[in-house]
Amino acid sequence: MASAPRRNWHWRAALAATATLLAAVVMAQAIVRSRNEHPATHLATPLAVAQETQQASFAASPAITARTQATPTVASTRAARIAADAETAVQPSSDSLAWTYEDSPCDSRAGVTPSPDPCSPSRVLALVDTGTRATRNTSAPAPASAPVPAAVSVQALATVTLAPHPRLLLDSTTLAALIQRATSSNPQWTALKAQCDSYIGGTVEYPTGNAYPNLPNIGQGYQGSSYVPALLAEGMCYQVLKTSNASAAANYGAKAVDILLKMSTSGSQGQPPCTDSGYGMRFYGVGMGLGYDWVYELLTPAQRTQVYTTANAWITAWETANGCADFEYAHPQSNYYAGYFHAKAAIALATYEDNPSAPAQWSDWLSNQFAVRVQPYYALHLAGGGWPEGYSNYASLGVLNMTLPLQEVKTATGQDLVHASAPYNYPLDSGEYAMHFTWPSRAYFDDRDTNHSGSGSGSQPPGTTQVGLFQQLVGALGYWGSPHTAILRQYLSEVNAATSGFGATDPWLQFLALDPAGAVSPVSGLPLSYFAPGLGAVAARSDWGTSASWMSFRAAPYANNPAQGEEFFDQGSLALVHGGTPLLLNATGWMVHDPNGTADENLIYTDNFGSFSSSNIYSGNRQEENIFYVRNMSNGTLAEQFGQFASTTESNQASTKVAAFEDGGSYAYVLATGLQDMYRSFAAGKAVANWAREVVYLRPNRFVVYDRTTAGSASYDQYLAWHFPASPTTSTTAASGKRLDVTYSGTYAGAMTAVLPLNTALTTTAMYPTSNPAKAWQVQVRAPATAVSQQWLTVFDLSTSSAAVAAAKPVTVNQGSILGVQLAAADGSSVMVGSTGAAGTPMTGTIAYTVDNLAARHVITELAPSAGYTVAVATTGNQQTITVTPGGSTTSSANGVLSFTVSGGTVQQPKYAPPVSGLPVSGYPRPYKG
């Protein structure tokens, strides 16, 4: 099959679309290559880098292992790719990166553009190259938020007895279990053996040959993507049958050797390692490592030399300073780096006794790539799981490549790095995350970040849940002993039914991961909410049924490699769904659906990465998110670029975080602070000086969003943006409030009510004007009066009919610095009250407010934590005045939330046990530590 034409300005997306078309025949069907550069991205000289982005800082410490090439100079190492966001520096490439403080003076050289904010010398935390200076500044310790090298309890291979081949995944215990499973009644074995048989008698093409020949022939597919599933299928069939059916095993083994030798061909018939910045490492490198191990006994000495020599060349190409994979190697979080991380471990462990380079490769992988780079970075930025490049897009292969090497280390050396003194929880957390961040319908993921259109592919829409991800995670959780393995097996079954088996993983991996005799447990054994502190991601739902109400929220610094721009710019954004019907959209994921998904993907790309234009607001302003926006306008014309940028903890000291999270049963509470650190600045200073967002989920169907914002100037245009799957219609609500109802595809999706400020102005616009047909509508909410600081209260209701939507109106404030909203509804009324003071600062003194005389649950946030209060109710006619005084028997939570009900003038604080799993395993779910 021919590749799609490449577009000069967006060629990587074109390749990704091509790969999507091949989803039924290539490995990692929905995991495709995206663009890693926007139109302006290029290899730059040090001066060009300085002119367009702040330089990365550098420091040095002795290298752990020697490189195969000369140590780069400071100047050559600094010649890095420009970031996808011009305000974020790309980290350098070297064989060891570390987190350290550096002096960051103003750059006064002629021709150097200053940073967006007024420049002042400072001490900054940076991810630095440890091989480019003779000395290292150690005078200032890294802050608590900085990754530190893992204190991993490991042994050098000189003191470890390596398992015999096969030692990667197929150790003796695992292989014995697989042999027992290899029966005609096992559907995974039946499928695997059928695949193995399908290649017998065919020809294996060289990488330069036909990439997509018909069966029984085999070609490389998309940069090696077809080689790997065939190689590992044949290798696994050989290993499983070599003692029980030697003749069949011989055929499978011979085919595996043939594939491996074609993959490892060098010269004119081989695959250049630098193709597409080293993209193929995830296939060629991983395949050569695992293949070498699985058919080791069938390879001649010369053939072994061929394989590891070519594998070494791939590793060298990846690690060469300023080389083809430079900007991918420089950062430990991306789908590219994940392929390298897996490949290097597999190659080093598989070829250790034969390959002269393998001991150094293993030492670097264990002591540097894992212990210095991956483990600390993932502990900080991916604790709780997730994948910031687009979970429904890159997660399946990315998660696999960041989890399977740990299993390979265990089977080869006996070392457990997952449960080490500095644990690597990512393989376990990934299974939890996947279940919680799937829609209640089970058919769709939380579709933030990069999603590629599927125009013309005839497949499910982008964002559809991939069965293959859950299949591999069942294997990972089972291997590492997660107490939720049985629940995940049940969840996999439900996802499979909801998606008709969409995106299943390769047969060899299914056979390895899925035990037909494995126990299952009801999904209802899971908590109703989940917090992944690394990505600042919160999911909560009304129940585990397929028609439940569900929310997804995110607030954290940028986590993905900023040079790629795969993670988008939505910190503080909320998404809401009822069953399978969305109310509040991640527009960047929803708009790339057919029809015309490719065209809308281009529009999203331009909005995210296009050049600034005063006449085209849809270029470069990143305005597709459910967040707060500030614009600098001049006579009705856009004066400066706005929106969020790739602000990181390490380079930008972003303080953005989920400052509080709790599940109180009838409610879930989230407070995000430091959101202002995610915004571009204007020439005059900060666009957003402060923004905190609070979300109170009142189960089962209502969500109160409270925003406290401060713009850089009262003259700036400021608004909240919300995105819906259909054009909203105006509905009736309480005086001064503004309510919009949304019906999508004939189903009532819910309502939005703008409660505060009073008399807001609502503007609805199709995203984007040239999109045909429009698939997302943006509602901009503006305050009636210009002010630097604003407080906004917005209510979203996921009731199944317009009549069931709660009537929302502000509470009357009698005492204290508070505001609030009353939600009156036939299915249960609620009141939410919050502080107008600084976010995260507990209120002191007495507060009082008046609401209608109705039975309701009350949720008051930001009181003193774990403190006693007295709640008094005074009823006058059809109104009630609630007075809350410090001291008493009604107790706030550890996060300062006070929850109680008022009925008939009586106050009651129900005792509630949080919705946690009943499984008798300590530590699950992991509590939020703040």
Foldseek 3Di string as FASTA:
>chain_A
DDQDDADLFWRQLSQQLRLLLCLVQFFQNQAGTGFLAGNVKDQAFLQVLQQQEPFFDAFADDDLFDAPDDQDEPRLQRRDIQFLFSHDYFATFALFKFKDWDWDAFDPDPNGDTHLFPTHIDIFIGTYDHRHDPGGDPPDDDDPLGFAFAPFDDDAVVPFDWAAFPQQLCFPVLLVVLLVQCDPVRPLNVVLVVLLVFQQPEDEAAQPDDQDDDIVYHHCHPLNRNLQLNLLSLLSVLSSCCVPPVVSSVRSLVVNLNSLLSQLDDDPRYDPCLVPLRQSLLRSLLRLLNSCRSNVVVDDLVSLCSSLVSNVVNLSQCRDGVHSNTSVNRACADLNNLSVLQSLLSSLLSCVVPDPCSSSSNSSSVRGVPRRHNLRLCVNQFFLEDHQLWCLRNVQSSLCSVQSSQSSCCSTGVRRQCPGPSHRVHLVSHLVVLLQQAALLLFFGQTAFDWRFNPPSPADGTRTDALQSLLLSLQSCVVVPPPCSQQSVVSSVSNCVSRVNHNHGRSSSNSSRDDPPDHHDHNQLAFQKGARFNFQWIKGWQGNHLQIKMKIAGKDAFRHSSSRRSRAAAHGFMWIFGRPFTFFGQCQRQCLYDDVNNVLPVLQSQQCNADDDQVDNSGNQRPSTQFKWKFDDDPNTGDDHWGFGRGHCRGQVQPWGFPDWDDPPQKTKTKIWSRQSRIRQHSVRGQWPTKMWMWIGGPGWKIKIKMKTFGPDLNIFMWGKTKGQDFWDWDDADPQKTKTWDDDPNFTFWMKIWAPPGNWDWDKDFVPPPDVPGGMIMIITGHPHRDRIGMTIMMIGRDRDPQFFWHKYKWAWDDAQKIWIWTDGPVAIEIEMEGPDDPQAAGDFKTKTKDFQDKHKYKYFRHAAFFAWDWFWDDDVGMIMIMIGGDHDQTAHRRRIGIWIADPRDIGDDDDDRSRRPPPDPCPPPDDPD
